[in-house]
PDB file of all heavy atoms in Angstrom:
ATOM      1  N   ASN A   1       5.250  -0.129   0.319  1.00  0.00           N
ATOM      2  CA  ASN A   1       5.735   0.978   1.133  1.00  0.00           C
ATOM      3  C   ASN A   1       6.661   1.858   0.304  1.00  0.00           C
ATOM      4  O   ASN A   1       7.662   1.370  -0.242  1.00  0.00           O
ATOM      5  CB  ASN A   1       6.502   0.471   2.353  1.00  0.00           C
ATOM      6  CG  ASN A   1       5.580  -0.174   3.378  1.00  0.00           C
ATOM      7  OD1 ASN A   1       4.397  -0.345   3.114  1.00  0.00           O
ATOM      8  ND2 ASN A   1       6.115  -0.535   4.526  1.00  0.00           N
ATOM      9  N   THR A   2       6.341   3.146   0.227  1.00  0.00           N
ATOM     10  CA  THR A   2       7.195   4.101  -0.480  1.00  0.00           C
ATOM     11  C   THR A   2       7.747   5.082   0.543  1.00  0.00           C
ATOM     12  O   THR A   2       7.019   5.936   1.070  1.00  0.00           O
ATOM     13  CB  THR A   2       6.405   4.860  -1.560  1.00  0.00           C
ATOM     14  OG1 THR A   2       5.822   3.913  -2.460  1.00  0.00           O
ATOM     15  CG2 THR A   2       7.321   5.795  -2.332  1.00  0.00           C
ATOM     16  N   LEU A   3       9.045   4.942   0.818  1.00  0.00           N
ATOM     17  CA  LEU A   3       9.711   5.753   1.835  1.00  0.00           C
ATOM     18  C   LEU A   3      10.566   6.811   1.156  1.00  0.00           C
ATOM     19  O   LEU A   3      11.437   6.494   0.349  1.00  0.00           O
ATOM     20  CB  LEU A   3      10.564   4.861   2.739  1.00  0.00           C
ATOM     21  CG  LEU A   3      11.418   5.548   3.803  1.00  0.00           C
ATOM     22  CD1 LEU A   3      10.541   6.316   4.784  1.00  0.00           C
ATOM     23  CD2 LEU A   3      12.262   4.512   4.548  1.00  0.00           C
ATOM     24  N   ASP A   4      10.311   8.070   1.489  1.00  0.00           N
ATOM     25  CA  ASP A   4      11.059   9.189   0.911  1.00  0.00           C
ATOM     26  C   ASP A   4      11.781   9.918   2.036  1.00  0.00           C
ATOM     27  O   ASP A   4      11.181  10.672   2.801  1.00  0.00           O
ATOM     28  CB  ASP A   4      10.103  10.147   0.192  1.00  0.00           C
ATOM     29  CG  ASP A   4      10.836  11.201  -0.632  1.00  0.00           C
ATOM     30  OD1 ASP A   4      11.975  11.540  -0.275  1.00  0.00           O
ATOM     31  OD2 ASP A   4      10.258  11.696  -1.619  1.00  0.00           O
ATOM     32  N   TRP A   5      13.113   9.682   2.116  1.00  0.00           N
ATOM     33  CA  TRP A   5      13.883  10.314   3.189  1.00  0.00           C
ATOM     34  C   TRP A   5      14.028  11.814   2.973  1.00  0.00           C
ATOM     35  O   TRP A   5      14.112  12.582   3.931  1.00  0.00           O
ATOM     36  CB  TRP A   5      15.276   9.684   3.287  1.00  0.00           C
ATOM     37  CG  TRP A   5      15.282   8.286   3.813  1.00  0.00           C
ATOM     38  CD1 TRP A   5      15.608   7.146   3.153  1.00  0.00           C
ATOM     39  CD2 TRP A   5      14.950   7.871   5.140  1.00  0.00           C
ATOM     40  NE1 TRP A   5      15.493   6.044   3.959  1.00  0.00           N
ATOM     41  CE2 TRP A   5      15.092   6.473   5.204  1.00  0.00           C
ATOM     42  CE3 TRP A   5      14.535   8.547   6.286  1.00  0.00           C
ATOM     43  CZ2 TRP A   5      14.844   5.743   6.357  1.00  0.00           C
ATOM     44  CZ3 TRP A   5      14.297   7.822   7.443  1.00  0.00           C
ATOM     45  CH2 TRP A   5      14.450   6.427   7.463  1.00  0.00           C
ATOM     46  N   ARG A   6      14.044  12.218   1.718  1.00  0.00           N
ATOM     47  CA  ARG A   6      14.203  13.650   1.444  1.00  0.00           C
ATOM     48  C   ARG A   6      12.969  14.423   1.915  1.00  0.00           C
ATOM     49  O   ARG A   6      13.073  15.449   2.572  1.00  0.00           O
ATOM     50  CB  ARG A   6      14.438  13.876  -0.055  1.00  0.00           C
ATOM     51  CG  ARG A   6      14.607  15.355  -0.416  1.00  0.00           C
ATOM     52  CD  ARG A   6      14.796  15.552  -1.913  1.00  0.00           C
ATOM     53  NE  ARG A   6      16.145  15.171  -2.342  1.00  0.00           N
ATOM     54  CZ  ARG A   6      16.446  14.092  -3.058  1.00  0.00           C
ATOM     55  NH1 ARG A   6      15.467  13.249  -3.415  1.00  0.00           N
ATOM     56  NH2 ARG A   6      17.673  13.829  -3.409  1.00  0.00           N
ATOM     57  N   GLN A   7      11.791  13.925   1.553  1.00  0.00           N
ATOM     58  CA  GLN A   7      10.550  14.562   1.972  1.00  0.00           C
ATOM     59  C   GLN A   7      10.122  14.143   3.374  1.00  0.00           C
ATOM     60  O   GLN A   7       9.179  14.704   3.928  1.00  0.00           O
ATOM     61  CB  GLN A   7       9.426  14.207   0.989  1.00  0.00           C
ATOM     62  CG  GLN A   7       9.651  14.664  -0.436  1.00  0.00           C
ATOM     63  CD  GLN A   7       9.543  16.170  -0.562  1.00  0.00           C
ATOM     64  OE1 GLN A   7       8.961  16.823   0.291  1.00  0.00           O
ATOM     65  NE2 GLN A   7      10.114  16.716  -1.614  1.00  0.00           N
ATOM     66  N   ARG A   8      10.812  13.150   3.916  1.00  0.00           N
ATOM     67  CA  ARG A   8      10.499  12.611   5.244  1.00  0.00           C
ATOM     68  C   ARG A   8       9.027  12.149   5.280  1.00  0.00           C
ATOM     69  O   ARG A   8       8.215  12.640   6.054  1.00  0.00           O
ATOM     70  CB  ARG A   8      10.777  13.646   6.335  1.00  0.00           C
ATOM     71  CG  ARG A   8      12.219  14.132   6.367  1.00  0.00           C
ATOM     72  CD  ARG A   8      12.437  15.183   7.437  1.00  0.00           C
ATOM     73  NE  ARG A   8      12.460  14.593   8.770  1.00  0.00           N
ATOM     74  CZ  ARG A   8      12.221  15.283   9.891  1.00  0.00           C
ATOM     75  NH1 ARG A   8      11.887  16.556   9.803  1.00  0.00           N
ATOM     76  NH2 ARG A   8      12.290  14.699  11.066  1.00  0.00           N
ATOM     77  N   SER A   9       8.720  11.196   4.428  1.00  0.00           N
ATOM     78  CA  SER A   9       7.359  10.666   4.362  1.00  0.00           C
ATOM     79  C   SER A   9       7.388   9.188   4.019  1.00  0.00           C
ATOM     80  O   SER A   9       8.292   8.719   3.317  1.00  0.00           O
ATOM     81  CB  SER A   9       6.530  11.424   3.313  1.00  0.00           C
ATOM     82  OG  SER A   9       7.024  11.179   2.016  1.00  0.00           O
ATOM     83  N   LEU A  10       6.410   8.477   4.529  1.00  0.00           N
ATOM     84  CA  LEU A  10       6.212   7.066   4.193  1.00  0.00           C
ATOM     85  C   LEU A  10       4.752   6.890   3.806  1.00  0.00           C
ATOM     86  O   LEU A  10       3.847   7.226   4.568  1.00  0.00           O
ATOM     87  CB  LEU A  10       6.529   6.162   5.388  1.00  0.00           C
ATOM     88  CG  LEU A  10       6.159   4.674   5.208  1.00  0.00           C
ATOM     89  CD1 LEU A  10       6.995   4.041   4.100  1.00  0.00           C
ATOM     90  CD2 LEU A  10       6.322   3.895   6.518  1.00  0.00           C
ATOM     91  N   HIS A  11       4.522   6.382   2.591  1.00  0.00           N
ATOM     92  CA  HIS A  11       3.168   6.108   2.122  1.00  0.00           C
ATOM     93  C   HIS A  11       3.005   4.601   1.940  1.00  0.00           C
ATOM     94  O   HIS A  11       3.844   3.952   1.295  1.00  0.00           O
ATOM     95  CB  HIS A  11       2.882   6.845   0.814  1.00  0.00           C
ATOM     96  CG  HIS A  11       2.856   8.332   0.981  1.00  0.00           C
ATOM     97  ND1 HIS A  11       1.776   8.999   1.494  1.00  0.00           N
ATOM     98  CD2 HIS A  11       3.805   9.275   0.725  1.00  0.00           C
ATOM     99  CE1 HIS A  11       2.036  10.290   1.542  1.00  0.00           C
ATOM    100  NE2 HIS A  11       3.261  10.495   1.082  1.00  0.00           N
ATOM    101  N   ILE A  12       1.934   4.073   2.505  1.00  0.00           N
ATOM    102  CA  ILE A  12       1.703   2.629   2.516  1.00  0.00           C
ATOM    103  C   ILE A  12       0.389   2.334   1.794  1.00  0.00           C
ATOM    104  O   ILE A  12      -0.672   2.811   2.195  1.00  0.00           O
ATOM    105  CB  ILE A  12       1.631   2.093   3.959  1.00  0.00           C
ATOM    106  CG1 ILE A  12       2.870   2.528   4.754  1.00  0.00           C
ATOM    107  CG2 ILE A  12       1.469   0.579   3.966  1.00  0.00           C
ATOM    108  CD1 ILE A  12       2.731   2.345   6.254  1.00  0.00           C
ATOM    109  N   GLU A  13       0.476   1.550   0.718  1.00  0.00           N
ATOM    110  CA  GLU A  13      -0.714   1.125  -0.024  1.00  0.00           C
ATOM    111  C   GLU A  13      -0.891  -0.378   0.165  1.00  0.00           C
ATOM    112  O   GLU A  13       0.048  -1.150  -0.066  1.00  0.00           O
ATOM    113  CB  GLU A  13      -0.571   1.444  -1.516  1.00  0.00           C
ATOM    114  CG  GLU A  13      -0.396   2.917  -1.835  1.00  0.00           C
ATOM    115  CD  GLU A  13      -1.669   3.714  -1.661  1.00  0.00           C
ATOM    116  OE1 GLU A  13      -2.752   3.084  -1.551  1.00  0.00           O
ATOM    117  OE2 GLU A  13      -1.589   4.958  -1.619  1.00  0.00           O
ATOM    118  N   THR A  14      -2.091  -0.786   0.581  1.00  0.00           N
ATOM    119  CA  THR A  14      -2.351  -2.204   0.850  1.00  0.00           C
ATOM    120  C   THR A  14      -3.634  -2.631   0.131  1.00  0.00           C
ATOM    121  O   THR A  14      -4.607  -1.878   0.097  1.00  0.00           O
ATOM    122  CB  THR A  14      -2.513  -2.450   2.362  1.00  0.00           C
ATOM    123  OG1 THR A  14      -1.369  -1.953   3.054  1.00  0.00           O
ATOM    124  CG2 THR A  14      -2.673  -3.934   2.659  1.00  0.00           C
ATOM    125  N   TYR A  15      -3.612  -3.833  -0.441  1.00  0.00           N
ATOM    126  CA  TYR A  15      -4.821  -4.385  -1.056  1.00  0.00           C
ATOM    127  C   TYR A  15      -4.829  -5.894  -0.843  1.00  0.00           C
ATOM    128  O   TYR A  15      -3.786  -6.519  -0.610  1.00  0.00           O
ATOM    129  CB  TYR A  15      -4.891  -4.043  -2.551  1.00  0.00           C
ATOM    130  CG  TYR A  15      -3.762  -4.604  -3.387  1.00  0.00           C
ATOM    131  CD1 TYR A  15      -3.856  -5.870  -3.968  1.00  0.00           C
ATOM    132  CD2 TYR A  15      -2.591  -3.875  -3.589  1.00  0.00           C
ATOM    133  CE1 TYR A  15      -2.832  -6.393  -4.732  1.00  0.00           C
ATOM    134  CE2 TYR A  15      -1.557  -4.386  -4.344  1.00  0.00           C
ATOM    135  CZ  TYR A  15      -1.676  -5.643  -4.917  1.00  0.00           C
ATOM    136  OH  TYR A  15      -0.644  -6.167  -5.666  1.00  0.00           O
ATOM    137  N   ASN A  16      -6.017  -6.497  -0.906  1.00  0.00           N
ATOM    138  CA  ASN A  16      -6.137  -7.925  -0.644  1.00  0.00           C
ATOM    139  C   ASN A  16      -5.818  -8.746  -1.889  1.00  0.00           C
ATOM    140  O   ASN A  16      -6.211  -8.401  -3.010  1.00  0.00           O
ATOM    141  CB  ASN A  16      -7.541  -8.262  -0.137  1.00  0.00           C
ATOM    142  CG  ASN A  16      -8.624  -7.945  -1.156  1.00  0.00           C
ATOM    143  OD1 ASN A  16      -8.696  -6.822  -1.635  1.00  0.00           O
ATOM    144  ND2 ASN A  16      -9.473  -8.926  -1.457  1.00  0.00           N
ATOM    145  N   GLU A  17      -5.132  -9.834  -1.669  1.00  0.00           N
ATOM    146  CA  GLU A  17      -4.834 -10.789  -2.734  1.00  0.00           C
ATOM    147  C   GLU A  17      -5.845 -11.937  -2.688  1.00  0.00           C
ATOM    148  O   GLU A  17      -6.289 -12.432  -3.718  1.00  0.00           O
ATOM    149  CB  GLU A  17      -3.406 -11.321  -2.562  1.00  0.00           C
ATOM    150  CG  GLU A  17      -2.879 -12.112  -3.738  1.00  0.00           C
ATOM    151  CD  GLU A  17      -1.434 -12.525  -3.527  1.00  0.00           C
ATOM    152  OE1 GLU A  17      -1.190 -13.373  -2.632  1.00  0.00           O
ATOM    153  OE2 GLU A  17      -0.561 -12.007  -4.239  1.00  0.00           O
ATOM    154  N   SER A  18      -6.229 -12.340  -1.478  1.00  0.00           N
ATOM    155  CA  SER A  18      -7.229 -13.399  -1.307  1.00  0.00           C
ATOM    156  C   SER A  18      -8.621 -12.866  -1.642  1.00  0.00           C
ATOM    157  O   SER A  18      -8.970 -11.744  -1.263  1.00  0.00           O
ATOM    158  CB  SER A  18      -7.216 -13.914   0.134  1.00  0.00           C
ATOM    159  OG  SER A  18      -5.941 -14.416   0.479  1.00  0.00           O
ATOM    160  N   PHE A  19      -9.406 -13.677  -2.350  1.00  0.00           N
ATOM    161  CA  PHE A  19     -10.807 -13.363  -2.686  1.00  0.00           C
ATOM    162  C   PHE A  19     -10.956 -12.005  -3.369  1.00  0.00           C
ATOM    163  O   PHE A  19     -11.946 -11.299  -3.176  1.00  0.00           O
ATOM    164  CB  PHE A  19     -11.682 -13.395  -1.429  1.00  0.00           C
ATOM    165  CG  PHE A  19     -11.590 -14.658  -0.642  1.00  0.00           C
ATOM    166  CD1 PHE A  19     -11.031 -14.673   0.625  1.00  0.00           C
ATOM    167  CD2 PHE A  19     -12.043 -15.858  -1.177  1.00  0.00           C
ATOM    168  CE1 PHE A  19     -10.934 -15.845   1.343  1.00  0.00           C
ATOM    169  CE2 PHE A  19     -11.957 -17.036  -0.456  1.00  0.00           C
ATOM    170  CZ  PHE A  19     -11.394 -17.034   0.811  1.00  0.00           C
ATOM    171  N   SER A  20      -9.981 -11.629  -4.177  1.00  0.00           N
ATOM    172  CA  SER A  20     -10.008 -10.305  -4.798  1.00  0.00           C
ATOM    173  C   SER A  20     -11.173 -10.137  -5.781  1.00  0.00           C
ATOM    174  O   SER A  20     -11.545  -9.013  -6.101  1.00  0.00           O
ATOM    175  CB  SER A  20      -8.688 -10.027  -5.515  1.00  0.00           C
ATOM    176  OG  SER A  20      -8.431 -11.031  -6.482  1.00  0.00           O
ATOM    177  N   THR A  21     -11.741 -11.233  -6.265  1.00  0.00           N
ATOM    178  CA  THR A  21     -12.896 -11.125  -7.170  1.00  0.00           C
ATOM    179  C   THR A  21     -14.203 -10.989  -6.396  1.00  0.00           C
ATOM    180  O   THR A  21     -15.226 -10.618  -6.972  1.00  0.00           O
ATOM    181  CB  THR A  21     -12.984 -12.353  -8.092  1.00  0.00           C
ATOM    182  OG1 THR A  21     -13.111 -13.533  -7.293  1.00  0.00           O
ATOM    183  CG2 THR A  21     -11.747 -12.451  -8.973  1.00  0.00           C
ATOM    184  N   ARG A  22     -14.169 -11.293  -5.099  1.00  0.00           N
ATOM    185  CA  ARG A  22     -15.375 -11.238  -4.279  1.00  0.00           C
ATOM    186  C   ARG A  22     -15.383 -10.032  -3.325  1.00  0.00           C
ATOM    187  O   ARG A  22     -16.431  -9.489  -3.007  1.00  0.00           O
ATOM    188  CB  ARG A  22     -15.520 -12.524  -3.442  1.00  0.00           C
ATOM    189  CG  ARG A  22     -15.693 -13.776  -4.278  1.00  0.00           C
ATOM    190  CD  ARG A  22     -15.775 -15.010  -3.402  1.00  0.00           C
ATOM    191  NE  ARG A  22     -15.991 -16.215  -4.204  1.00  0.00           N
ATOM    192  CZ  ARG A  22     -17.184 -16.673  -4.542  1.00  0.00           C
ATOM    193  NH1 ARG A  22     -18.268 -16.033  -4.161  1.00  0.00           N
ATOM    194  NH2 ARG A  22     -17.296 -17.781  -5.250  1.00  0.00           N
ATOM    195  N   VAL A  23     -14.202  -9.678  -2.854  1.00  0.00           N
ATOM    196  CA  VAL A  23     -14.070  -8.572  -1.905  1.00  0.00           C
ATOM    197  C   VAL A  23     -12.907  -7.692  -2.354  1.00  0.00           C
ATOM    198  O   VAL A  23     -11.841  -8.205  -2.711  1.00  0.00           O
ATOM    199  CB  VAL A  23     -13.792  -9.077  -0.469  1.00  0.00           C
ATOM    200  CG1 VAL A  23     -13.758  -7.900   0.501  1.00  0.00           C
ATOM    201  CG2 VAL A  23     -14.820 -10.098  -0.049  1.00  0.00           C
ATOM    202  N   ILE A  24     -13.115  -6.376  -2.345  1.00  0.00           N
ATOM    203  CA  ILE A  24     -12.036  -5.448  -2.684  1.00  0.00           C
ATOM    204  C   ILE A  24     -11.724  -4.610  -1.449  1.00  0.00           C
ATOM    205  O   ILE A  24     -12.557  -3.826  -0.983  1.00  0.00           O
ATOM    206  CB  ILE A  24     -12.424  -4.523  -3.859  1.00  0.00           C
ATOM    207  CG1 ILE A  24     -12.731  -5.358  -5.109  1.00  0.00           C
ATOM    208  CG2 ILE A  24     -11.320  -3.519  -4.144  1.00  0.00           C
ATOM    209  CD1 ILE A  24     -13.244  -4.538  -6.274  1.00  0.00           C
TER     210      ILE A  24
END
């Protein structure tokens, strides 16, 4: 989570840790 109070924005990046070689 990247929260920027100045720009008033929250960007959320999510990726899987389980089975990362089989499913992305």
